[in-house]
Amino acid sequence: MKQSVFYRIKRNKVYLLLLLPTLLYYLLFHYVPMFGIVVSFMDYNLFKGVWHSPWVGLKHYRMFLSNPDAWLIVRNTLLLGLYKFIFAFPAPIALAVLFYEMRWKKFRRFVQSVSYLPYFLSSVVLSSVMIMLLSPSTGWINKAIQSLGYEPINFLQRPEWFRTIYIASDIWQMTGYGTIIFLAALAAIDPQLYEAARMDGANRWKQTVHVTIPGIIPAIVIMFIMSISGIINIPFDKAFLIGNAGNMDTADIITTYVYRIGILGGGMSYATAINLSLGLVTMLLVYLTNAASRKVGETSLW
């Protein structure tokens, strides 16, 4: 058995070497830092270190549950994540189908290339673009509003606009790049299925409904399971960059709260407890979604 394993390693050594940087990345930046989880059960003191800080058990977890701001932060996170999932998840599917149905190949390639570009912008650049576009004095959107005879709107200072701005910018940035996996799934559909549908009198719309969409259902299910964690685990950077004191009522989510408490406030133990709870809930959500998918259909992550 050992010889068999060594033989496989030797036979696939080139591929394993290609995989090595990714393995090292996850090992150094995702698994080794897990040791820091222990500080959530301590009153961590930077000068005493991990070994000499006193253990306090579940104190910090109870502290968060009894925090009067906890419900507002969790509510903001869930609403933003849910709206993002509802509006952003179907967007690359619809765009991929539109790309697939285009018959003018040169135009399709051009539009695809343009749609990929926003993905390669950093969150800092993207947020700066949004801030400039939405500026009440110099932003193009407010200039258009003023040209229609209305007063300019300070979008970034109004809490009711934060989720709309966040989700719209996320759709703009991620939709084009998200089409790649669905286009790959569309390319794998047997062309004979379309020929059979045309022989049965199906028009383009019916071919899309009865052949195209069913053909990419496995890819949609896989991406659905992988995306479900985004309902709770919302990235910190963009929420932090476009959030401010004016829209804090809706912009303050778990990740920004953890940053404020842990980094700015020095409450490392408290912040770690919140983040660990977030990770456990996210893992449970993905596990339950995968189990439901495996039970209902044949497609699942594991």
Protein backbone atom coordinates (compact mmCIF):
# COMPACT_ATOMS: atom_id res chain seq x y z
CA MET A 1 0.00 0.00 0.00
CA LYS A 2 2.84 2.38 0.86
CA GLN A 3 4.56 1.60 -2.43
CA SER A 4 1.31 2.35 -4.21
CA VAL A 5 1.05 5.77 -2.51
CA PHE A 6 4.70 6.62 -3.26
CA TYR A 7 4.22 5.49 -6.84
CA ARG A 8 1.20 7.77 -7.25
CA ILE A 9 3.10 10.69 -5.76
CA LYS A 10 6.04 10.09 -8.07
CA ARG A 11 3.77 9.71 -11.08
CA ASN A 12 1.87 12.94 -10.32
CA LYS A 13 4.76 14.96 -8.88
CA VAL A 14 4.41 17.72 -11.47
CA TYR A 15 0.75 18.28 -10.61
CA LEU A 16 1.50 18.12 -6.88
CA LEU A 17 4.19 20.77 -7.31
CA LEU A 18 1.66 22.99 -9.07
CA LEU A 19 -0.72 22.43 -6.14
CA LEU A 20 1.93 23.11 -3.51
CA PRO A 21 1.67 26.96 -3.44
CA THR A 22 -2.09 26.75 -2.89
CA LEU A 23 -1.66 24.18 -0.11
CA LEU A 24 0.97 26.36 1.58
CA TYR A 25 -1.29 29.39 1.32
CA TYR A 26 -4.19 27.65 3.03
CA LEU A 27 -1.90 26.05 5.60
CA LEU A 28 -0.15 29.27 6.61
CA PHE A 29 -3.05 31.72 6.37
CA HIS A 30 -6.11 29.58 7.16
CA TYR A 31 -5.11 26.62 9.33
CA VAL A 32 -2.14 27.80 11.40
CA PRO A 33 -4.04 30.95 12.58
CA MET A 34 -6.79 28.68 13.93
CA PHE A 35 -4.64 28.33 17.03
CA GLY A 36 -5.78 31.86 17.86
CA ILE A 37 -9.30 30.57 18.50
CA VAL A 38 -8.28 29.82 22.08
CA VAL A 39 -8.17 33.54 22.95
CA SER A 40 -11.98 33.64 22.68
CA PHE A 41 -12.06 31.64 25.93
CA MET A 42 -9.57 33.96 27.68
CA ASP A 43 -9.26 37.51 28.87
CA TYR A 44 -6.37 37.86 26.46
CA ASN A 45 -3.62 40.23 27.51
CA LEU A 46 -1.09 41.22 24.87
CA PHE A 47 1.73 41.43 27.40
CA LYS A 48 0.93 38.15 29.17
CA GLY A 49 0.44 36.26 25.93
CA VAL A 50 -1.65 33.17 25.23
CA TRP A 51 -0.01 30.97 27.85
CA HIS A 52 -0.50 33.28 30.83
CA SER A 53 -3.81 35.03 30.08
CA PRO A 54 -6.64 33.89 32.39
CA TRP A 55 -9.32 31.50 31.12
CA VAL A 56 -12.90 32.79 31.35
CA GLY A 57 -14.84 30.10 29.48
CA LEU A 58 -17.89 31.35 27.56
CA LYS A 59 -17.85 34.84 29.07
CA HIS A 60 -17.33 36.65 25.76
CA TYR A 61 -20.02 34.60 23.98
CA ARG A 62 -22.54 35.47 26.68
CA MET A 63 -21.39 39.09 26.51
CA PHE A 64 -22.27 39.31 22.82
CA LEU A 65 -25.66 37.66 23.29
CA SER A 66 -26.50 40.13 26.06
CA ASN A 67 -25.20 43.12 24.09
CA PRO A 68 -28.11 45.45 23.19
CA ASP A 69 -26.42 46.21 19.83
CA ALA A 70 -26.10 42.52 18.89
CA TRP A 71 -29.59 42.19 17.37
CA LEU A 72 -29.12 45.30 15.19
CA ILE A 73 -25.74 44.05 13.92
CA VAL A 74 -27.04 40.53 13.21
CA ARG A 75 -30.16 41.96 11.56
CA ASN A 76 -28.09 44.25 9.31
CA THR A 77 -25.85 41.33 8.35
CA LEU A 78 -28.71 38.96 7.56
CA LEU A 79 -30.70 41.51 5.56
CA LEU A 80 -27.70 42.61 3.51
CA GLY A 81 -26.64 39.00 2.90
CA LEU A 82 -30.16 37.89 2.01
CA TYR A 83 -30.76 40.77 -0.41
CA LYS A 84 -27.35 40.20 -1.96
CA PHE A 85 -28.13 36.50 -2.42
CA ILE A 86 -31.57 37.14 -3.92
CA PHE A 87 -30.43 39.76 -6.44
CA ALA A 88 -26.77 38.91 -7.09
CA PHE A 89 -26.90 35.11 -7.34
CA PRO A 90 -29.23 34.87 -10.39
CA ALA A 91 -27.44 37.68 -12.28
CA PRO A 92 -24.47 35.65 -13.66
CA ILE A 93 -26.82 32.80 -14.61
CA ALA A 94 -29.02 35.13 -16.66
CA LEU A 95 -26.02 36.85 -18.24
CA ALA A 96 -24.36 33.54 -19.12
CA VAL A 97 -27.53 32.35 -20.87
CA LEU A 98 -27.70 35.64 -22.80
CA PHE A 99 -24.07 35.26 -23.85
CA TYR A 100 -24.73 31.70 -24.92
CA GLU A 101 -27.71 32.72 -27.04
CA MET A 102 -25.81 35.49 -28.87
CA ARG A 103 -25.10 34.56 -32.46
CA TRP A 104 -22.75 37.47 -33.27
CA LYS A 105 -19.52 36.02 -31.86
CA LYS A 106 -17.35 39.13 -32.11
CA PHE A 107 -19.88 41.22 -30.22
CA ARG A 108 -20.29 38.45 -27.63
CA ARG A 109 -16.53 38.28 -27.01
CA PHE A 110 -16.34 42.06 -26.66
CA VAL A 111 -19.22 42.21 -24.15
CA GLN A 112 -17.78 39.28 -22.20
CA SER A 113 -14.39 40.97 -21.93
CA VAL A 114 -15.97 44.24 -20.78
CA SER A 115 -18.13 42.44 -18.19
CA TYR A 116 -15.04 40.73 -16.68
CA LEU A 117 -13.13 43.97 -16.10
CA PRO A 118 -14.86 45.22 -12.90
CA TYR A 119 -13.90 41.99 -11.11
CA PHE A 120 -10.24 42.95 -11.32
CA LEU A 121 -10.81 46.28 -9.58
CA SER A 122 -9.94 46.23 -5.90
CA SER A 123 -12.63 47.07 -3.37
CA VAL A 124 -10.82 50.33 -2.62
CA VAL A 125 -10.96 51.43 -6.27
CA LEU A 126 -14.56 50.26 -6.65
CA SER A 127 -15.65 52.10 -3.50
CA SER A 128 -13.86 55.24 -4.67
CA VAL A 129 -15.72 55.06 -7.99
CA MET A 130 -19.04 54.70 -6.15
CA ILE A 131 -18.23 57.63 -3.87
CA MET A 132 -17.37 59.86 -6.86
CA LEU A 133 -20.45 58.81 -8.85
CA LEU A 134 -22.77 59.42 -5.87
CA SER A 135 -21.21 62.68 -4.67
CA PRO A 136 -23.98 65.24 -4.02
CA SER A 137 -21.92 68.04 -5.59
CA THR A 138 -19.84 66.50 -8.41
CA GLY A 139 -21.31 63.02 -8.94
CA TRP A 140 -22.77 62.19 -12.35
CA ILE A 141 -25.86 60.61 -10.83
CA ASN A 142 -26.75 63.72 -8.84
CA LYS A 143 -26.01 65.94 -11.83
CA ALA A 144 -28.53 63.87 -13.80
CA ILE A 145 -31.05 64.25 -10.95
CA GLN A 146 -30.49 68.03 -10.87
CA SER A 147 -30.90 68.27 -14.65
CA LEU A 148 -34.40 66.86 -14.16
CA GLY A 149 -35.20 69.64 -11.70
CA TYR A 150 -34.81 67.70 -8.44
CA GLU A 151 -32.61 68.32 -5.42
CA PRO A 152 -29.38 66.29 -5.15
CA ILE A 153 -29.44 63.26 -2.84
CA ASN A 154 -26.60 62.50 -0.46
CA PHE A 155 -26.85 58.76 -1.04
CA LEU A 156 -23.92 57.71 1.15
CA GLN A 157 -25.23 59.59 4.17
CA ARG A 158 -28.67 57.97 4.09
CA PRO A 159 -29.05 54.57 5.81
CA GLU A 160 -31.91 53.51 3.52
CA TRP A 161 -29.61 53.68 0.46
CA PHE A 162 -26.68 51.67 1.84
CA ARG A 163 -27.95 48.19 0.93
CA THR A 164 -29.00 49.30 -2.56
CA ILE A 165 -25.57 50.82 -3.23
CA TYR A 166 -23.73 47.80 -1.82
CA ILE A 167 -25.72 45.21 -3.78
CA ALA A 168 -25.73 47.22 -7.03
CA SER A 169 -21.95 47.64 -6.89
CA ASP A 170 -21.54 43.95 -6.07
CA ILE A 171 -23.65 42.93 -9.07
CA TRP A 172 -21.64 45.23 -11.33
CA GLN A 173 -18.33 43.89 -10.05
CA MET A 174 -19.03 40.15 -9.81
CA THR A 175 -21.65 39.27 -12.44
CA GLY A 176 -19.38 39.14 -15.49
CA TYR A 177 -16.72 37.04 -13.82
CA GLY A 178 -19.39 34.79 -12.32
CA THR A 179 -20.58 33.78 -15.78
CA ILE A 180 -17.40 31.77 -16.47
CA ILE A 181 -18.47 28.60 -14.66
CA PHE A 182 -21.98 28.73 -16.15
CA LEU A 183 -20.61 29.25 -19.66
CA ALA A 184 -18.44 26.18 -19.12
CA ALA A 185 -21.54 24.22 -18.07
CA LEU A 186 -23.45 25.50 -21.11
CA ALA A 187 -20.65 24.38 -23.43
CA ALA A 188 -21.06 20.83 -22.11
CA ILE A 189 -24.73 20.56 -23.19
CA ASP A 190 -25.19 18.07 -26.03
CA PRO A 191 -26.09 19.98 -29.27
CA GLN A 192 -28.31 17.05 -30.27
CA LEU A 193 -30.74 18.07 -27.53
CA TYR A 194 -31.28 21.42 -29.30
CA GLU A 195 -31.72 19.66 -32.64
CA ALA A 196 -34.33 17.37 -31.11
CA ALA A 197 -36.12 20.35 -29.56
CA ARG A 198 -36.18 22.20 -32.90
CA MET A 199 -37.58 19.13 -34.62
CA ASP A 200 -40.36 19.11 -32.04
CA GLY A 201 -41.16 22.73 -32.93
CA ALA A 202 -39.54 24.44 -29.95
CA ASN A 203 -38.63 28.10 -30.47
CA ARG A 204 -35.56 29.82 -28.92
CA TRP A 205 -37.38 30.58 -25.67
CA LYS A 206 -38.65 27.01 -25.22
CA GLN A 207 -35.20 25.65 -26.01
CA THR A 208 -33.79 27.85 -23.25
CA VAL A 209 -36.44 26.77 -20.74
CA HIS A 210 -36.44 23.05 -21.53
CA VAL A 211 -32.84 22.41 -22.63
CA THR A 212 -30.48 25.19 -21.57
CA ILE A 213 -31.62 25.77 -17.98
CA PRO A 214 -31.98 22.04 -17.09
CA GLY A 215 -28.53 21.46 -18.59
CA ILE A 216 -26.85 23.82 -16.10
CA ILE A 217 -28.88 22.85 -13.02
CA PRO A 218 -25.94 20.87 -11.48
CA ALA A 219 -23.66 23.94 -11.80
CA ILE A 220 -26.39 26.18 -10.33
CA VAL A 221 -26.83 23.84 -7.34
CA ILE A 222 -23.09 23.71 -6.65
CA MET A 223 -22.78 27.50 -6.83
CA PHE A 224 -25.90 27.85 -4.69
CA ILE A 225 -24.33 25.76 -1.93
CA MET A 226 -21.05 27.65 -2.15
CA SER A 227 -22.81 31.03 -2.15
CA ILE A 228 -25.14 30.32 0.77
CA SER A 229 -22.41 31.19 3.28
CA GLY A 230 -22.40 34.74 1.89
CA ILE A 231 -25.71 35.40 3.63
CA ILE A 232 -23.83 35.60 6.93
CA ASN A 233 -20.15 35.88 6.03
CA ILE A 234 -20.15 39.26 4.26
CA PRO A 235 -16.72 40.66 3.31
CA PHE A 236 -15.43 43.47 5.47
CA ASP A 237 -13.69 45.75 2.98
CA LYS A 238 -16.50 47.28 0.91
CA ALA A 239 -18.90 47.60 3.86
CA PHE A 240 -16.16 49.43 5.75
CA LEU A 241 -15.21 51.69 2.83
CA ILE A 242 -18.69 52.96 1.94
CA GLY A 243 -19.99 52.88 5.49
CA ASN A 244 -19.87 56.03 7.62
CA ALA A 245 -21.49 57.66 10.63
CA GLY A 246 -24.46 58.77 8.54
CA ASN A 247 -25.48 55.29 7.31
CA MET A 248 -24.26 53.30 10.33
CA ASP A 249 -27.80 52.17 11.18
CA THR A 250 -27.72 49.80 8.20
CA ALA A 251 -23.99 49.65 7.35
CA ASP A 252 -22.79 48.24 10.67
CA ILE A 253 -22.50 44.48 10.11
CA ILE A 254 -20.71 41.73 12.03
CA THR A 255 -17.37 42.05 10.23
CA THR A 256 -17.17 45.83 10.69
CA TYR A 257 -18.23 45.46 14.32
CA VAL A 258 -15.50 42.86 14.90
CA TYR A 259 -12.93 45.23 13.38
CA ARG A 260 -14.08 48.10 15.54
CA ILE A 261 -14.12 46.04 18.74
CA GLY A 262 -11.04 43.91 18.09
CA ILE A 263 -8.60 46.15 16.23
CA LEU A 264 -9.63 49.64 17.28
CA GLY A 265 -10.93 48.77 20.74
CA GLY A 266 -8.35 46.12 21.63
CA GLY A 267 -11.00 43.53 22.60
CA MET A 268 -9.25 40.61 20.93
CA SER A 269 -11.01 37.92 22.94
CA TYR A 270 -14.47 39.39 22.43
CA ALA A 271 -13.90 39.89 18.68
CA THR A 272 -12.53 36.35 18.29
CA ALA A 273 -15.60 34.91 20.05
CA ILE A 274 -17.92 36.73 17.64
CA ASN A 275 -15.89 35.69 14.60
CA LEU A 276 -15.74 32.06 15.73
CA SER A 277 -19.51 32.02 16.24
CA LEU A 278 -19.93 33.47 12.75
CA GLY A 279 -17.70 30.76 11.28
CA LEU A 280 -19.56 27.95 13.06
CA VAL A 281 -22.96 29.23 11.93
CA THR A 282 -21.67 29.59 8.36
CA MET A 283 -20.29 26.04 8.37
CA LEU A 284 -23.59 24.69 9.73
CA LEU A 285 -25.54 26.57 7.05
CA VAL A 286 -23.39 25.15 4.24
CA TYR A 287 -23.58 21.64 5.72
CA LEU A 288 -27.39 21.74 5.99
CA THR A 289 -27.75 23.16 2.47
CA ASN A 290 -25.49 20.46 1.07
CA ALA A 291 -27.39 17.73 2.96
CA ALA A 292 -30.73 19.04 1.66
CA SER A 293 -29.37 19.17 -1.89
CA ARG A 294 -28.05 15.61 -1.64
CA LYS A 295 -31.40 14.39 -0.30
CA VAL A 296 -33.55 16.19 -2.89
CA GLY A 297 -31.33 15.63 -5.92
CA GLU A 298 -28.07 13.97 -6.90
CA THR A 299 -25.86 17.09 -6.85
CA SER A 300 -23.85 18.10 -3.78
CA LEU A 301 -20.39 19.25 -2.76
CA TRP A 302 -19.69 16.04 -0.83
